[in-house]
Amino acid sequence: MLIVAGYVITDAEDRDAFVAEGVTVVSMARSAPAAWTSRSRRTRSTCSA
């Protein structure tokens, strides 16, 4: 999971297009294959820091 906090200031005339593009990007991210597999969890959990 990736959490991003903050805000973006846009011009009023660009706002609708910006939001529409964001919806597309979120949709693509949700349909992408998971990068965090069971193998990477095992590998990472056995490492000591």
N, C-alpha and C. Protein backbone atom coordinates (compact mmCIF):
# COMPACT_ATOMS: atom_id res chain seq x y z
N MET A 1 0.85 -1.17 0.00
CA MET A 1 0.00 0.00 0.00
C MET A 1 0.89 1.23 0.00
N LEU A 2 0.51 2.19 -0.78
CA LEU A 2 1.22 3.45 -0.84
C LEU A 2 0.26 4.55 -0.44
N ILE A 3 0.64 5.34 0.54
CA ILE A 3 -0.20 6.45 0.99
C ILE A 3 0.52 7.74 0.65
N VAL A 4 -0.17 8.61 -0.05
CA VAL A 4 0.39 9.89 -0.44
C VAL A 4 -0.49 10.97 0.16
N ALA A 5 0.11 11.91 0.84
CA ALA A 5 -0.66 13.00 1.45
C ALA A 5 -0.19 14.33 0.86
N GLY A 6 -1.09 15.24 0.75
CA GLY A 6 -0.75 16.55 0.24
C GLY A 6 -1.90 17.15 -0.53
N TYR A 7 -1.62 18.16 -1.31
CA TYR A 7 -2.67 18.79 -2.11
C TYR A 7 -2.05 19.38 -3.37
N VAL A 8 -2.89 19.58 -4.34
CA VAL A 8 -2.47 20.15 -5.61
C VAL A 8 -3.37 21.35 -5.89
N ILE A 9 -2.77 22.43 -6.33
CA ILE A 9 -3.52 23.63 -6.70
C ILE A 9 -3.56 23.70 -8.23
N THR A 10 -4.76 23.77 -8.78
CA THR A 10 -4.90 23.88 -10.24
C THR A 10 -5.76 25.09 -10.57
N ASP A 11 -5.63 25.54 -11.79
CA ASP A 11 -6.51 26.59 -12.27
C ASP A 11 -7.91 26.00 -12.44
N ALA A 12 -8.92 26.81 -12.23
CA ALA A 12 -10.30 26.33 -12.30
C ALA A 12 -10.62 25.69 -13.64
N GLU A 13 -10.10 26.25 -14.73
CA GLU A 13 -10.43 25.71 -16.05
C GLU A 13 -9.72 24.38 -16.32
N ASP A 14 -8.67 24.05 -15.57
CA ASP A 14 -7.94 22.79 -15.75
C ASP A 14 -8.39 21.69 -14.79
N ARG A 15 -9.18 22.05 -13.80
CA ARG A 15 -9.51 21.13 -12.71
C ARG A 15 -10.25 19.88 -13.17
N ASP A 16 -11.24 20.00 -14.02
CA ASP A 16 -12.01 18.83 -14.46
C ASP A 16 -11.13 17.84 -15.21
N ALA A 17 -10.27 18.32 -16.08
CA ALA A 17 -9.37 17.44 -16.83
C ALA A 17 -8.38 16.76 -15.89
N PHE A 18 -7.89 17.49 -14.91
CA PHE A 18 -6.95 16.93 -13.94
C PHE A 18 -7.58 15.80 -13.14
N VAL A 19 -8.79 16.01 -12.67
CA VAL A 19 -9.50 14.98 -11.90
C VAL A 19 -9.80 13.77 -12.78
N ALA A 20 -10.22 14.00 -14.01
CA ALA A 20 -10.51 12.89 -14.93
C ALA A 20 -9.27 12.05 -15.19
N GLU A 21 -8.13 12.69 -15.34
CA GLU A 21 -6.88 11.96 -15.55
C GLU A 21 -6.52 11.17 -14.30
N GLY A 22 -6.76 11.74 -13.13
CA GLY A 22 -6.49 11.04 -11.88
C GLY A 22 -7.33 9.78 -11.74
N VAL A 23 -8.57 9.84 -12.17
CA VAL A 23 -9.45 8.67 -12.12
C VAL A 23 -8.88 7.57 -13.00
N THR A 24 -8.38 7.93 -14.17
CA THR A 24 -7.78 6.96 -15.08
C THR A 24 -6.54 6.32 -14.46
N VAL A 25 -5.70 7.12 -13.85
CA VAL A 25 -4.47 6.61 -13.23
C VAL A 25 -4.79 5.67 -12.08
N VAL A 26 -5.73 6.02 -11.24
CA VAL A 26 -6.11 5.15 -10.12
C VAL A 26 -6.69 3.84 -10.63
N SER A 27 -7.50 3.91 -11.66
CA SER A 27 -8.07 2.70 -12.25
C SER A 27 -6.98 1.78 -12.79
N MET A 28 -5.98 2.35 -13.46
CA MET A 28 -4.87 1.56 -13.98
C MET A 28 -4.07 0.93 -12.84
N ALA A 29 -3.83 1.69 -11.78
CA ALA A 29 -3.07 1.17 -10.64
C ALA A 29 -3.81 0.02 -9.97
N ARG A 30 -5.11 0.13 -9.85
CA ARG A 30 -5.90 -0.92 -9.21
C ARG A 30 -5.90 -2.21 -10.02
N SER A 31 -5.78 -2.11 -11.33
CA SER A 31 -5.80 -3.31 -12.17
C SER A 31 -4.40 -3.87 -12.43
N ALA A 32 -3.36 -3.19 -11.98
CA ALA A 32 -1.99 -3.67 -12.19
C ALA A 32 -1.71 -4.87 -11.30
N PRO A 33 -0.83 -5.78 -11.75
CA PRO A 33 -0.49 -6.93 -10.91
C PRO A 33 0.22 -6.46 -9.64
N ALA A 34 0.01 -7.19 -8.58
CA ALA A 34 0.61 -6.82 -7.29
C ALA A 34 2.12 -7.00 -7.36
N ALA A 35 2.87 -6.01 -6.91
CA ALA A 35 4.33 -6.09 -6.90
C ALA A 35 4.82 -6.81 -5.65
N TRP A 36 3.98 -6.94 -4.66
CA TRP A 36 4.36 -7.54 -3.39
C TRP A 36 3.86 -8.98 -3.37
N THR A 37 4.70 -9.91 -3.75
CA THR A 37 4.30 -11.31 -3.84
C THR A 37 4.64 -12.05 -2.56
N SER A 38 4.16 -13.28 -2.42
CA SER A 38 4.46 -14.08 -1.23
C SER A 38 5.95 -14.35 -1.13
N ARG A 39 6.64 -14.50 -2.27
CA ARG A 39 8.08 -14.73 -2.23
C ARG A 39 8.82 -13.52 -1.67
N SER A 40 8.45 -12.32 -2.09
CA SER A 40 9.14 -11.14 -1.60
C SER A 40 8.85 -10.92 -0.12
N ARG A 41 7.65 -11.30 0.35
CA ARG A 41 7.35 -11.20 1.78
C ARG A 41 8.26 -12.12 2.57
N ARG A 42 8.45 -13.36 2.10
CA ARG A 42 9.31 -14.31 2.80
C ARG A 42 10.73 -13.79 2.85
N THR A 43 11.21 -13.29 1.72
CA THR A 43 12.58 -12.79 1.66
C THR A 43 12.76 -11.61 2.59
N ARG A 44 11.84 -10.69 2.55
CA ARG A 44 11.97 -9.50 3.39
C ARG A 44 11.81 -9.81 4.87
N SER A 45 10.95 -10.76 5.20
CA SER A 45 10.71 -11.04 6.62
C SER A 45 11.88 -11.76 7.27
N THR A 46 12.74 -12.41 6.47
CA THR A 46 13.89 -13.11 7.03
C THR A 46 15.11 -12.22 7.17
N CYS A 47 15.07 -11.04 6.59
CA CYS A 47 16.20 -10.11 6.70
C CYS A 47 16.15 -9.40 8.04
N SER A 48 17.32 -9.21 8.63
CA SER A 48 17.35 -8.44 9.88
C SER A 48 18.03 -7.12 9.62
N ALA A 49 17.55 -6.11 10.28
CA ALA A 49 18.10 -4.76 10.05
C ALA A 49 18.90 -4.32 11.24
